[in-house]
């Protein structure tokens, strides 16, 4: 299938027209309106240099809030009280550290300054959120993403201390479970995510679950409660 080139119009092709690897479209911009339209259709941006690439992979990876796997070590860490978890206290710092903290087996980052600015704008409008994991006054780990309806679309996480990102994830999943969210979107598979309870589902199933999670294609006029 062809990869679509976007222009100034706020539109995307149907997600099922994506390439086998999930690539759907090229170009466009990172305006809040375009990002919200993309997420509402099960599409997300992922690129390390221009042009912007838009993806809708099949299969898709999710974690259901009540099915997060907590290892014995993580359970001990959570019981220890070593870390404190907060929500939306340091969004800009979380995304900056997601971009800047080195990751094993990776060089560079896809979270460019333009991406940082775009998601900070979504945060300021109430659509993006962060969960922070603190060791005293030091930000030890965190995760951020976009919330629409009862679905949370995870973007990235980081840690500067062992288990700190997992503690942030556990805090996020507990928050989503208590508020009746349908799933956390993890986008693409990895052995690390599988160990935490992530499952692969078809794109079709993912879009159906989005609908059940009260996400309809379009640009929402206001954020849903998070």
N, C-alpha and C. Protein backbone atom coordinates (compact mmCIF):
# COMPACT_ATOMS: atom_id res chain seq x y z
N UNK A 1 0.84 -1.19 0.00
CA UNK A 1 0.00 0.00 0.00
C UNK A 1 0.88 1.24 0.00
N UNK A 2 0.39 2.36 -0.52
CA UNK A 2 1.19 3.58 -0.55
C UNK A 2 1.30 4.20 0.84
N UNK A 3 2.41 4.89 1.10
CA UNK A 3 2.55 5.71 2.29
C UNK A 3 2.05 7.10 1.94
N UNK A 4 1.10 7.61 2.67
CA UNK A 4 0.44 8.86 2.34
C UNK A 4 1.27 10.06 2.78
N UNK A 5 1.32 11.09 1.94
CA UNK A 5 2.00 12.33 2.28
C UNK A 5 0.95 13.34 2.74
N UNK A 6 1.12 13.83 3.97
CA UNK A 6 0.17 14.76 4.54
C UNK A 6 0.50 16.19 4.11
N UNK A 7 -0.54 17.02 4.07
CA UNK A 7 -0.35 18.44 3.81
C UNK A 7 -0.93 19.23 4.99
N UNK A 8 -1.36 20.46 4.76
CA UNK A 8 -1.84 21.30 5.86
C UNK A 8 -3.22 20.91 6.36
N UNK A 9 -3.93 20.09 5.58
CA UNK A 9 -5.26 19.68 6.02
C UNK A 9 -5.16 18.74 7.21
N UNK A 10 -6.12 18.88 8.15
CA UNK A 10 -6.13 18.02 9.34
C UNK A 10 -6.87 16.74 9.01
N UNK A 11 -6.15 15.77 8.46
CA UNK A 11 -6.74 14.48 8.15
C UNK A 11 -5.65 13.42 8.06
N UNK A 12 -6.08 12.18 8.27
CA UNK A 12 -5.21 11.01 8.12
C UNK A 12 -5.96 9.96 7.31
N UNK A 13 -5.24 9.12 6.59
CA UNK A 13 -5.90 7.98 5.95
C UNK A 13 -6.33 6.97 7.00
N UNK A 14 -7.23 6.06 6.67
CA UNK A 14 -7.65 5.04 7.64
C UNK A 14 -6.44 4.21 8.10
N UNK A 15 -6.38 3.87 9.39
CA UNK A 15 -5.23 3.12 9.91
C UNK A 15 -4.97 1.80 9.20
N UNK A 16 -6.03 1.15 8.70
CA UNK A 16 -5.82 -0.16 8.07
C UNK A 16 -5.15 -0.06 6.70
N UNK A 17 -4.82 1.17 6.28
CA UNK A 17 -4.09 1.35 5.04
C UNK A 17 -2.58 1.45 5.27
N UNK A 18 -2.13 1.19 6.50
CA UNK A 18 -0.72 1.26 6.83
C UNK A 18 0.07 0.14 6.15
N UNK A 19 1.36 0.38 5.98
CA UNK A 19 2.27 -0.64 5.48
C UNK A 19 2.36 -1.81 6.47
N UNK A 20 2.97 -2.88 6.05
CA UNK A 20 3.09 -4.06 6.91
C UNK A 20 3.81 -3.73 8.22
N UNK A 21 4.77 -2.79 8.19
CA UNK A 21 5.50 -2.44 9.40
C UNK A 21 4.77 -1.40 10.24
N UNK A 22 3.61 -0.95 9.78
CA UNK A 22 2.82 0.02 10.53
C UNK A 22 2.92 1.44 10.05
N UNK A 23 3.85 1.74 9.13
CA UNK A 23 3.99 3.12 8.64
C UNK A 23 2.77 3.48 7.79
N UNK A 24 2.15 4.60 8.13
CA UNK A 24 0.91 5.01 7.47
C UNK A 24 1.07 6.29 6.65
N UNK A 25 1.77 7.29 7.19
CA UNK A 25 1.81 8.59 6.53
C UNK A 25 3.10 9.32 6.87
N UNK A 26 3.41 10.32 6.05
CA UNK A 26 4.62 11.12 6.19
C UNK A 26 4.24 12.59 6.10
N UNK A 27 4.88 13.42 6.93
CA UNK A 27 4.68 14.86 6.81
C UNK A 27 3.71 15.41 7.84
N UNK A 28 3.08 16.52 7.50
CA UNK A 28 2.18 17.17 8.44
C UNK A 28 2.95 17.98 9.47
N UNK A 29 2.39 18.10 10.66
CA UNK A 29 3.02 18.88 11.72
C UNK A 29 2.72 18.24 13.06
N UNK A 30 3.21 18.86 14.13
CA UNK A 30 3.00 18.34 15.49
C UNK A 30 2.11 19.28 16.29
N UNK A 31 1.16 19.91 15.62
CA UNK A 31 0.22 20.78 16.32
C UNK A 31 -0.64 19.95 17.26
N UNK A 32 -1.14 20.55 18.34
CA UNK A 32 -2.02 19.80 19.24
C UNK A 32 -3.21 19.18 18.51
N UNK A 33 -3.79 19.91 17.56
CA UNK A 33 -4.97 19.39 16.86
C UNK A 33 -4.62 18.13 16.05
N UNK A 34 -3.49 18.16 15.36
CA UNK A 34 -3.12 16.99 14.56
C UNK A 34 -2.76 15.80 15.46
N UNK A 35 -2.03 16.06 16.54
CA UNK A 35 -1.69 14.98 17.45
C UNK A 35 -2.94 14.34 18.05
N UNK A 36 -3.89 15.16 18.48
CA UNK A 36 -5.11 14.61 19.07
C UNK A 36 -5.92 13.83 18.06
N UNK A 37 -5.98 14.32 16.82
CA UNK A 37 -6.67 13.56 15.78
C UNK A 37 -5.99 12.23 15.55
N UNK A 38 -4.65 12.24 15.51
CA UNK A 38 -3.91 11.00 15.30
C UNK A 38 -4.21 9.99 16.40
N UNK A 39 -4.07 10.40 17.65
CA UNK A 39 -4.29 9.46 18.75
C UNK A 39 -5.72 8.94 18.75
N UNK A 40 -6.67 9.80 18.41
CA UNK A 40 -8.07 9.37 18.40
C UNK A 40 -8.34 8.31 17.34
N UNK A 41 -7.43 8.18 16.36
CA UNK A 41 -7.57 7.19 15.29
C UNK A 41 -6.62 6.01 15.46
N UNK A 42 -5.90 5.97 16.58
CA UNK A 42 -4.97 4.88 16.81
C UNK A 42 -3.65 5.06 16.07
N UNK A 43 -3.26 6.30 15.83
CA UNK A 43 -2.05 6.64 15.09
C UNK A 43 -1.13 7.45 16.00
N UNK A 44 0.19 7.28 15.85
CA UNK A 44 1.13 8.05 16.66
C UNK A 44 2.36 8.42 15.83
N UNK A 45 3.04 9.52 16.20
CA UNK A 45 4.26 9.92 15.49
C UNK A 45 5.48 9.23 16.08
N UNK A 46 6.44 8.89 15.23
CA UNK A 46 7.68 8.27 15.69
C UNK A 46 8.73 8.47 14.60
N UNK A 47 9.73 9.26 14.90
CA UNK A 47 10.76 9.58 13.92
C UNK A 47 11.95 10.19 14.66
N UNK A 48 13.14 10.12 14.08
CA UNK A 48 14.29 10.72 14.73
C UNK A 48 14.81 11.95 14.00
N UNK A 49 14.32 12.19 12.80
CA UNK A 49 14.64 13.41 12.05
C UNK A 49 13.53 13.62 11.03
N UNK A 50 13.33 14.87 10.56
CA UNK A 50 12.27 15.11 9.58
C UNK A 50 12.46 14.26 8.34
N UNK A 51 11.35 13.89 7.66
CA UNK A 51 9.97 14.29 7.93
C UNK A 51 9.34 13.49 9.07
N UNK A 52 8.21 13.98 9.56
CA UNK A 52 7.45 13.28 10.59
C UNK A 52 6.86 12.00 10.00
N UNK A 53 7.01 10.91 10.73
CA UNK A 53 6.44 9.62 10.31
C UNK A 53 5.30 9.26 11.26
N UNK A 54 4.20 8.79 10.70
CA UNK A 54 3.00 8.44 11.48
C UNK A 54 2.74 6.94 11.33
N UNK A 55 2.45 6.28 12.47
CA UNK A 55 2.39 4.82 12.51
C UNK A 55 1.07 4.32 13.10
N UNK A 56 0.65 3.16 12.63
CA UNK A 56 -0.46 2.42 13.24
C UNK A 56 -0.15 0.93 13.07
N UNK A 57 0.67 0.37 13.96
CA UNK A 57 1.16 -1.00 13.78
C UNK A 57 0.08 -2.06 14.01
N UNK A 58 0.32 -3.21 13.44
CA UNK A 58 -0.55 -4.37 13.60
C UNK A 58 0.35 -5.60 13.69
N UNK A 59 0.45 -6.23 14.88
CA UNK A 59 -0.37 -6.03 16.08
C UNK A 59 0.04 -4.81 16.89
N UNK A 60 -0.80 -4.52 17.88
CA UNK A 60 -0.58 -3.42 18.81
C UNK A 60 -0.37 -4.03 20.20
N UNK A 61 0.34 -3.34 21.06
CA UNK A 61 0.67 -3.87 22.39
C UNK A 61 0.00 -3.02 23.46
N UNK A 62 -0.70 -3.67 24.37
CA UNK A 62 -1.39 -2.97 25.46
C UNK A 62 -1.15 -3.71 26.78
N UNK A 63 -1.37 -2.99 27.88
CA UNK A 63 -1.45 -3.60 29.21
C UNK A 63 -2.78 -3.18 29.80
N UNK A 64 -3.57 -4.15 30.22
CA UNK A 64 -4.82 -3.85 30.92
C UNK A 64 -4.48 -3.52 32.37
N UNK A 65 -5.09 -2.47 32.93
CA UNK A 65 -4.68 -1.98 34.25
C UNK A 65 -4.65 -3.04 35.35
N UNK A 66 -5.58 -3.99 35.32
CA UNK A 66 -5.64 -4.99 36.38
C UNK A 66 -4.74 -6.19 36.10
N UNK A 67 -4.00 -6.16 34.98
CA UNK A 67 -3.17 -7.30 34.62
C UNK A 67 -1.68 -6.98 34.60
N UNK A 68 -1.29 -5.88 35.22
CA UNK A 68 0.14 -5.58 35.35
C UNK A 68 0.80 -6.64 36.21
N UNK A 69 1.91 -7.19 35.74
CA UNK A 69 2.65 -8.20 36.48
C UNK A 69 3.68 -7.52 37.39
N UNK A 70 3.57 -7.79 38.68
CA UNK A 70 4.47 -7.23 39.68
C UNK A 70 5.41 -8.33 40.15
N UNK A 71 6.68 -8.22 39.85
CA UNK A 71 7.65 -9.23 40.29
C UNK A 71 7.84 -9.14 41.81
N UNK A 72 8.43 -10.16 42.37
CA UNK A 72 8.68 -10.14 43.82
C UNK A 72 9.59 -8.99 44.21
N UNK A 73 10.62 -8.75 43.40
CA UNK A 73 11.53 -7.65 43.71
C UNK A 73 10.82 -6.32 43.65
N UNK A 74 10.00 -6.11 42.61
CA UNK A 74 9.27 -4.86 42.51
C UNK A 74 8.28 -4.71 43.65
N UNK A 75 7.63 -5.81 44.04
CA UNK A 75 6.70 -5.75 45.17
C UNK A 75 7.42 -5.32 46.45
N UNK A 76 8.64 -5.84 46.65
CA UNK A 76 9.42 -5.42 47.83
C UNK A 76 9.76 -3.94 47.76
N UNK A 77 10.12 -3.50 46.55
CA UNK A 77 10.44 -2.08 46.38
C UNK A 77 9.23 -1.21 46.67
N UNK A 78 8.07 -1.62 46.18
CA UNK A 78 6.86 -0.84 46.42
C UNK A 78 6.51 -0.80 47.91
N UNK A 79 6.73 -1.91 48.61
CA UNK A 79 6.42 -1.96 50.05
C UNK A 79 7.43 -1.17 50.88
N UNK A 80 8.63 -1.01 50.35
CA UNK A 80 9.70 -0.38 51.13
C UNK A 80 9.46 1.09 51.40
N UNK A 81 8.69 1.73 50.54
CA UNK A 81 8.47 3.16 50.71
C UNK A 81 9.66 4.01 50.30
N UNK A 82 10.60 3.41 49.58
CA UNK A 82 11.81 4.14 49.18
C UNK A 82 11.48 5.27 48.20
N UNK A 83 10.44 5.06 47.40
CA UNK A 83 10.07 6.03 46.38
C UNK A 83 8.70 6.64 46.68
N UNK A 84 8.51 7.86 46.20
CA UNK A 84 7.22 8.54 46.27
C UNK A 84 6.73 8.76 44.84
N UNK A 85 5.45 8.50 44.60
CA UNK A 85 4.88 8.64 43.26
C UNK A 85 3.93 9.84 43.24
N UNK A 86 4.06 10.67 42.20
CA UNK A 86 3.17 11.81 42.01
C UNK A 86 2.66 11.81 40.57
N UNK A 87 1.65 12.64 40.31
CA UNK A 87 1.07 12.77 38.98
C UNK A 87 1.11 14.24 38.55
N UNK A 88 1.63 14.47 37.35
CA UNK A 88 1.62 15.80 36.73
C UNK A 88 2.37 16.86 37.53
N UNK A 89 3.33 16.45 38.33
CA UNK A 89 4.09 17.43 39.10
C UNK A 89 5.28 17.96 38.31
N UNK A 90 5.82 17.17 37.37
CA UNK A 90 7.05 17.58 36.68
C UNK A 90 7.04 17.06 35.24
N UNK A 91 5.97 17.39 34.50
CA UNK A 91 5.82 16.84 33.15
C UNK A 91 7.01 17.19 32.25
N UNK A 92 7.38 18.46 32.19
CA UNK A 92 8.45 18.88 31.29
C UNK A 92 9.76 18.20 31.64
N UNK A 93 10.03 18.00 32.93
CA UNK A 93 11.26 17.34 33.34
C UNK A 93 11.23 15.85 32.98
N UNK A 94 10.07 15.22 33.12
CA UNK A 94 9.94 13.81 32.75
C UNK A 94 10.24 13.61 31.28
N UNK A 95 9.63 14.40 30.41
CA UNK A 95 9.86 14.21 28.98
C UNK A 95 11.30 14.56 28.62
N UNK A 96 11.89 15.56 29.30
CA UNK A 96 13.29 15.90 29.04
C UNK A 96 14.20 14.74 29.41
N UNK A 97 13.93 14.08 30.53
CA UNK A 97 14.77 12.97 30.96
C UNK A 97 14.50 11.72 30.12
N UNK A 98 13.26 11.54 29.66
CA UNK A 98 13.00 10.43 28.73
C UNK A 98 13.86 10.59 27.48
N UNK A 99 14.05 11.82 27.07
CA UNK A 99 14.87 12.09 25.88
C UNK A 99 16.36 11.96 26.17
N UNK A 100 16.77 12.31 27.39
CA UNK A 100 18.19 12.46 27.66
C UNK A 100 18.88 11.34 28.40
N UNK A 101 18.14 10.55 29.18
CA UNK A 101 18.78 9.48 29.95
C UNK A 101 19.18 8.35 29.01
N UNK A 102 20.45 7.93 29.01
CA UNK A 102 20.90 6.85 28.11
C UNK A 102 20.16 5.55 28.37
N UNK A 103 19.93 4.79 27.29
CA UNK A 103 19.26 3.49 27.38
C UNK A 103 20.20 2.42 26.84
N UNK A 104 20.17 1.27 27.47
CA UNK A 104 21.02 0.16 27.04
C UNK A 104 20.68 -0.23 25.60
N UNK A 105 21.70 -0.33 24.76
CA UNK A 105 21.50 -0.76 23.38
C UNK A 105 20.96 0.30 22.45
N UNK A 106 20.86 1.56 22.93
CA UNK A 106 20.34 2.63 22.09
C UNK A 106 21.30 3.80 22.08
N UNK A 107 21.39 4.46 20.95
CA UNK A 107 22.16 5.70 20.86
C UNK A 107 21.23 6.77 20.30
N UNK A 108 21.26 7.94 20.91
CA UNK A 108 20.37 9.00 20.46
C UNK A 108 18.95 8.81 20.99
N UNK A 109 18.04 9.64 20.49
CA UNK A 109 16.64 9.58 20.94
C UNK A 109 15.73 10.06 19.82
N UNK A 110 14.50 9.54 19.83
CA UNK A 110 13.50 10.00 18.88
C UNK A 110 12.70 11.17 19.46
N UNK A 111 12.94 11.49 20.76
CA UNK A 111 12.21 12.59 21.39
C UNK A 111 13.00 13.87 21.12
N UNK A 112 12.74 14.48 19.99
CA UNK A 112 13.45 15.68 19.57
C UNK A 112 12.92 16.89 20.34
N UNK A 113 13.64 18.02 20.30
CA UNK A 113 13.10 19.24 20.94
C UNK A 113 11.70 19.60 20.42
N UNK A 114 11.45 19.37 19.15
CA UNK A 114 10.11 19.66 18.60
C UNK A 114 9.06 18.75 19.23
N UNK A 115 9.42 17.48 19.43
CA UNK A 115 8.49 16.55 20.09
C UNK A 115 8.24 16.97 21.53
N UNK A 116 9.32 17.34 22.24
CA UNK A 116 9.15 17.81 23.62
C UNK A 116 8.17 18.97 23.66
N UNK A 117 8.38 19.97 22.82
CA UNK A 117 7.50 21.14 22.80
C UNK A 117 6.06 20.75 22.50
N UNK A 118 5.88 19.82 21.57
CA UNK A 118 4.53 19.42 21.17
C UNK A 118 3.77 18.77 22.32
N UNK A 119 4.44 17.91 23.08
CA UNK A 119 3.75 17.23 24.17
C UNK A 119 3.58 18.13 25.39
N UNK A 120 4.49 19.07 25.58
CA UNK A 120 4.28 20.06 26.64
C UNK A 120 3.02 20.88 26.33
N UNK A 121 2.80 21.21 25.05
CA UNK A 121 1.57 21.92 24.68
C UNK A 121 0.34 21.08 24.98
N UNK A 122 0.42 19.78 24.71
CA UNK A 122 -0.71 18.90 25.05
C UNK A 122 -0.93 18.84 26.56
N UNK A 123 0.16 18.82 27.31
CA UNK A 123 0.05 18.83 28.78
C UNK A 123 -0.63 20.11 29.25
N UNK A 124 -0.24 21.23 28.70
CA UNK A 124 -0.82 22.52 29.09
C UNK A 124 -2.31 22.57 28.79
N UNK A 125 -2.75 21.79 27.80
CA UNK A 125 -4.17 21.74 27.44
C UNK A 125 -4.92 20.63 28.18
N UNK A 126 -4.21 19.85 28.99
CA UNK A 126 -4.86 18.83 29.81
C UNK A 126 -4.99 17.46 29.16
N UNK A 127 -4.34 17.26 28.02
CA UNK A 127 -4.46 15.97 27.33
C UNK A 127 -3.27 15.04 27.58
N UNK A 128 -2.13 15.56 27.95
CA UNK A 128 -0.96 14.74 28.24
C UNK A 128 -0.69 14.77 29.74
N UNK A 129 -0.13 13.67 30.25
CA UNK A 129 0.10 13.54 31.69
C UNK A 129 1.40 12.80 31.96
N UNK A 130 1.92 13.02 33.15
CA UNK A 130 3.12 12.32 33.57
C UNK A 130 2.91 11.71 34.95
N UNK A 131 3.62 10.63 35.19
CA UNK A 131 3.69 10.04 36.53
C UNK A 131 5.16 10.05 36.92
N UNK A 132 5.45 10.61 38.09
CA UNK A 132 6.82 10.77 38.54
C UNK A 132 7.14 9.85 39.71
N UNK A 133 8.35 9.35 39.74
CA UNK A 133 8.86 8.54 40.84
C UNK A 133 10.03 9.29 41.46
N UNK A 134 9.90 9.64 42.74
CA UNK A 134 10.90 10.47 43.42
C UNK A 134 11.65 9.66 44.48
N UNK A 135 12.93 9.90 44.59
CA UNK A 135 13.73 9.45 45.73
C UNK A 135 14.13 10.71 46.49
N UNK A 136 13.38 11.02 47.53
CA UNK A 136 13.56 12.30 48.19
C UNK A 136 13.13 13.42 47.26
N UNK A 137 14.05 14.34 46.98
CA UNK A 137 13.74 15.44 46.06
C UNK A 137 14.27 15.19 44.67
N UNK A 138 14.86 14.01 44.43
CA UNK A 138 15.42 13.68 43.12
C UNK A 138 14.41 12.91 42.29
N UNK A 139 14.22 13.32 41.05
CA UNK A 139 13.34 12.60 40.13
C UNK A 139 14.09 11.37 39.63
N UNK A 140 13.67 10.20 40.11
CA UNK A 140 14.40 8.96 39.83
C UNK A 140 13.86 8.21 38.63
N UNK A 141 12.60 8.44 38.27
CA UNK A 141 12.00 7.75 37.13
C UNK A 141 10.67 8.40 36.78
N UNK A 142 10.14 8.02 35.63
CA UNK A 142 8.85 8.59 35.23
C UNK A 142 8.37 8.05 33.91
N UNK A 143 7.13 8.36 33.61
CA UNK A 143 6.48 7.95 32.37
C UNK A 143 5.52 9.05 31.96
N UNK A 144 5.31 9.22 30.64
CA UNK A 144 4.34 10.21 30.17
C UNK A 144 3.57 9.65 28.98
N UNK A 145 2.43 10.26 28.70
CA UNK A 145 1.63 9.84 27.57
C UNK A 145 0.41 10.74 27.41
N UNK A 146 -0.52 10.28 26.58
CA UNK A 146 -1.70 11.06 26.22
C UNK A 146 -2.94 10.32 26.68
N UNK A 147 -3.87 11.05 27.28
CA UNK A 147 -5.12 10.47 27.78
C UNK A 147 -6.29 10.95 26.94
N UNK A 148 -7.04 10.00 26.38
CA UNK A 148 -8.28 10.29 25.67
C UNK A 148 -9.34 9.31 26.14
N UNK A 149 -10.52 9.82 26.46
CA UNK A 149 -11.56 8.93 26.95
C UNK A 149 -11.07 8.16 28.15
N UNK A 150 -11.21 6.82 28.09
CA UNK A 150 -10.70 5.94 29.15
C UNK A 150 -9.53 5.11 28.62
N UNK A 151 -8.73 5.73 27.76
CA UNK A 151 -7.55 5.07 27.19
C UNK A 151 -6.33 5.97 27.43
N UNK A 152 -5.21 5.34 27.80
CA UNK A 152 -3.98 6.09 28.01
C UNK A 152 -2.94 5.58 27.03
N UNK A 153 -2.40 6.49 26.24
CA UNK A 153 -1.45 6.15 25.19
C UNK A 153 -0.04 6.50 25.68
N UNK A 154 0.67 5.48 26.15
CA UNK A 154 2.00 5.70 26.70
C UNK A 154 3.00 6.06 25.62
N UNK A 155 3.91 6.97 25.95
CA UNK A 155 4.91 7.40 24.99
C UNK A 155 6.32 6.96 25.37
N UNK A 156 6.75 7.22 26.58
CA UNK A 156 8.11 6.84 26.95
C UNK A 156 8.24 6.86 28.47
N UNK A 157 9.28 6.18 28.97
CA UNK A 157 9.59 6.20 30.38
C UNK A 157 11.11 6.22 30.55
N UNK A 158 11.56 6.56 31.74
CA UNK A 158 13.00 6.59 32.02
C UNK A 158 13.23 6.19 33.47
N UNK A 159 14.45 5.83 33.79
CA UNK A 159 14.83 5.63 35.18
C UNK A 159 16.28 6.04 35.39
N UNK A 160 16.55 6.58 36.57
CA UNK A 160 17.91 6.89 36.98
C UNK A 160 18.32 6.07 38.20
N UNK A 161 17.37 5.27 38.71
CA UNK A 161 17.65 4.32 39.78
C UNK A 161 16.92 3.03 39.45
N UNK A 162 17.46 1.91 39.92
CA UNK A 162 16.86 0.61 39.65
C UNK A 162 15.41 0.57 40.09
N UNK A 163 14.55 0.10 39.22
CA UNK A 163 13.11 -0.09 39.45
C UNK A 163 12.30 1.20 39.47
N UNK A 164 12.94 2.36 39.31
CA UNK A 164 12.18 3.62 39.42
C UNK A 164 11.14 3.76 38.33
N UNK A 165 11.46 3.36 37.09
CA UNK A 165 10.46 3.46 36.02
C UNK A 165 9.32 2.48 36.25
N UNK A 166 9.64 1.31 36.80
CA UNK A 166 8.60 0.32 37.08
C UNK A 166 7.68 0.79 38.20
N UNK A 167 8.25 1.49 39.18
CA UNK A 167 7.42 2.06 40.24
C UNK A 167 6.48 3.11 39.66
N UNK A 168 6.99 3.93 38.75
CA UNK A 168 6.13 4.93 38.09
C UNK A 168 5.04 4.24 37.29
N UNK A 169 5.40 3.16 36.58
CA UNK A 169 4.40 2.42 35.81
C UNK A 169 3.35 1.81 36.72
N UNK A 170 3.78 1.23 37.83
CA UNK A 170 2.82 0.65 38.78
C UNK A 170 1.89 1.73 39.32
N UNK A 171 2.43 2.91 39.58
CA UNK A 171 1.59 4.02 40.04
C UNK A 171 0.58 4.44 38.99
N UNK A 172 1.04 4.50 37.73
CA UNK A 172 0.13 4.83 36.63
C UNK A 172 -0.97 3.79 36.50
N UNK A 173 -0.61 2.52 36.52
CA UNK A 173 -1.61 1.47 36.32
C UNK A 173 -2.62 1.44 37.46
N UNK A 174 -2.17 1.70 38.67
CA UNK A 174 -3.11 1.77 39.80
C UNK A 174 -4.07 2.94 39.60
N UNK A 175 -3.54 4.07 39.15
CA UNK A 175 -4.37 5.24 38.87
C UNK A 175 -5.40 4.93 37.78
N UNK A 176 -4.97 4.27 36.69
CA UNK A 176 -5.88 3.93 35.60
C UNK A 176 -6.94 2.93 36.06
N UNK A 177 -6.52 1.96 36.85
CA UNK A 177 -7.48 0.94 37.33
C UNK A 177 -8.56 1.58 38.18
N UNK A 178 -8.17 2.45 39.10
CA UNK A 178 -9.15 3.07 39.99
C UNK A 178 -10.10 4.00 39.25
N UNK A 179 -9.70 4.49 38.09
CA UNK A 179 -10.54 5.40 37.32
C UNK A 179 -11.23 4.73 36.14
N UNK A 180 -11.15 3.41 36.10
CA UNK A 180 -11.91 2.66 35.10
C UNK A 180 -11.38 2.74 33.69
N UNK A 181 -10.08 2.98 33.53
CA UNK A 181 -9.50 3.03 32.18
C UNK A 181 -9.45 1.64 31.57
N UNK A 182 -9.53 1.60 30.23
CA UNK A 182 -9.58 0.32 29.53
C UNK A 182 -8.20 -0.30 29.34
N UNK A 183 -7.21 0.52 29.01
CA UNK A 183 -5.87 -0.03 28.76
C UNK A 183 -4.82 1.08 28.72
N UNK A 184 -3.58 0.64 28.83
CA UNK A 184 -2.41 1.45 28.53
C UNK A 184 -1.86 0.98 27.19
N UNK A 185 -1.79 1.87 26.22
CA UNK A 185 -1.21 1.54 24.92
C UNK A 185 0.31 1.61 25.02
N UNK A 186 0.99 0.52 24.67
CA UNK A 186 2.45 0.46 24.69
C UNK A 186 3.03 0.48 23.28
N UNK A 187 2.19 0.54 22.28
CA UNK A 187 2.56 0.69 20.88
C UNK A 187 3.22 -0.56 20.29
N UNK A 188 4.49 -0.82 20.63
CA UNK A 188 5.26 -1.88 19.98
C UNK A 188 5.75 -2.91 21.00
N UNK A 189 5.93 -4.16 20.57
CA UNK A 189 6.30 -5.22 21.51
C UNK A 189 7.76 -5.18 21.94
N UNK A 190 8.02 -5.67 23.14
CA UNK A 190 9.38 -5.91 23.62
C UNK A 190 9.30 -6.96 24.71
N UNK A 191 10.40 -7.65 24.96
CA UNK A 191 10.42 -8.66 26.01
C UNK A 191 10.21 -8.02 27.37
N UNK A 192 10.72 -6.79 27.55
CA UNK A 192 10.53 -6.09 28.82
C UNK A 192 9.05 -5.84 29.08
N UNK A 193 8.33 -5.35 28.07
CA UNK A 193 6.90 -5.10 28.24
C UNK A 193 6.14 -6.40 28.48
N UNK A 194 6.52 -7.46 27.78
CA UNK A 194 5.85 -8.75 27.97
C UNK A 194 6.01 -9.22 29.41
N UNK A 195 7.18 -8.97 30.01
CA UNK A 195 7.41 -9.40 31.39
C UNK A 195 6.52 -8.64 32.37
N UNK A 196 6.01 -7.49 31.94
CA UNK A 196 5.15 -6.67 32.80
C UNK A 196 3.67 -6.94 32.55
N UNK A 197 3.36 -7.85 31.64
CA UNK A 197 1.97 -8.20 31.40
C UNK A 197 1.39 -7.68 30.11
N UNK A 198 2.22 -7.11 29.24
CA UNK A 198 1.73 -6.59 27.97
C UNK A 198 1.32 -7.74 27.05
N UNK A 199 0.27 -7.50 26.27
CA UNK A 199 -0.21 -8.49 25.31
C UNK A 199 -0.30 -7.85 23.93
N UNK A 200 -0.20 -8.68 22.90
CA UNK A 200 -0.34 -8.21 21.53
C UNK A 200 -1.77 -8.48 21.06
N UNK A 201 -2.38 -7.48 20.46
CA UNK A 201 -3.72 -7.62 19.89
C UNK A 201 -3.69 -7.06 18.48
N UNK A 202 -4.66 -7.45 17.68
CA UNK A 202 -4.71 -6.94 16.31
C UNK A 202 -5.08 -5.46 16.29
N UNK A 203 -4.73 -4.78 15.22
CA UNK A 203 -5.13 -3.38 15.08
C UNK A 203 -6.65 -3.25 15.16
N UNK A 204 -7.35 -4.16 14.52
CA UNK A 204 -8.81 -4.12 14.54
C UNK A 204 -9.33 -4.20 15.98
N UNK A 205 -8.79 -5.13 16.76
CA UNK A 205 -9.20 -5.26 18.16
C UNK A 205 -8.84 -4.01 18.94
N UNK A 206 -7.66 -3.46 18.66
CA UNK A 206 -7.23 -2.24 19.35
C UNK A 206 -8.22 -1.10 19.10
N UNK A 207 -8.63 -0.91 17.86
CA UNK A 207 -9.56 0.17 17.53
C UNK A 207 -10.93 -0.08 18.17
N UNK A 208 -11.34 -1.33 18.24
CA UNK A 208 -12.60 -1.65 18.92
C UNK A 208 -12.51 -1.34 20.41
N UNK A 209 -11.36 -1.67 20.99
CA UNK A 209 -11.18 -1.37 22.42
C UNK A 209 -11.14 0.14 22.66
N UNK A 210 -10.57 0.88 21.73
CA UNK A 210 -10.61 2.34 21.85
C UNK A 210 -12.05 2.84 21.86
N UNK A 211 -12.87 2.29 20.97
CA UNK A 211 -14.28 2.71 20.91
C UNK A 211 -14.98 2.40 22.23
N UNK A 212 -14.72 1.21 22.78
CA UNK A 212 -15.32 0.85 24.07
C UNK A 212 -14.76 1.74 25.18
N UNK A 213 -13.54 2.23 24.99
CA UNK A 213 -12.92 3.14 25.95
C UNK A 213 -13.29 4.59 25.71
N UNK A 214 -14.34 4.83 24.93
CA UNK A 214 -14.93 6.15 24.72
C UNK A 214 -14.02 7.09 23.93
N UNK A 215 -13.26 6.52 22.99
CA UNK A 215 -12.44 7.33 22.11
C UNK A 215 -12.99 7.20 20.70
N UNK A 216 -13.45 8.32 20.14
CA UNK A 216 -13.99 8.35 18.78
C UNK A 216 -13.07 9.17 17.90
N UNK A 217 -12.92 8.79 16.63
CA UNK A 217 -12.06 9.57 15.73
C UNK A 217 -12.51 11.03 15.65
N UNK A 218 -11.58 11.93 15.81
CA UNK A 218 -11.88 13.36 15.77
C UNK A 218 -11.03 14.11 16.76
N UNK A 219 -11.13 15.42 16.75
CA UNK A 219 -10.34 16.26 17.64
C UNK A 219 -11.21 16.62 18.85
N UNK A 220 -10.89 16.10 20.04
CA UNK A 220 -11.72 16.39 21.21
C UNK A 220 -11.68 17.87 21.57
N UNK A 221 -12.79 18.39 22.01
CA UNK A 221 -12.86 19.82 22.35
C UNK A 221 -12.31 20.10 23.74
N UNK A 222 -12.32 19.09 24.59
CA UNK A 222 -11.81 19.27 25.95
C UNK A 222 -11.28 17.93 26.47
N UNK A 223 -10.34 17.96 27.40
CA UNK A 223 -9.79 16.71 27.91
C UNK A 223 -10.78 15.96 28.78
N UNK A 224 -10.65 14.64 28.80
CA UNK A 224 -11.47 13.82 29.67
C UNK A 224 -10.80 13.76 31.05
N UNK A 225 -11.55 13.44 32.10
CA UNK A 225 -10.96 13.38 33.45
C UNK A 225 -9.83 12.35 33.51
N UNK A 226 -8.74 12.75 34.14
CA UNK A 226 -7.62 11.84 34.37
C UNK A 226 -7.32 11.76 35.86
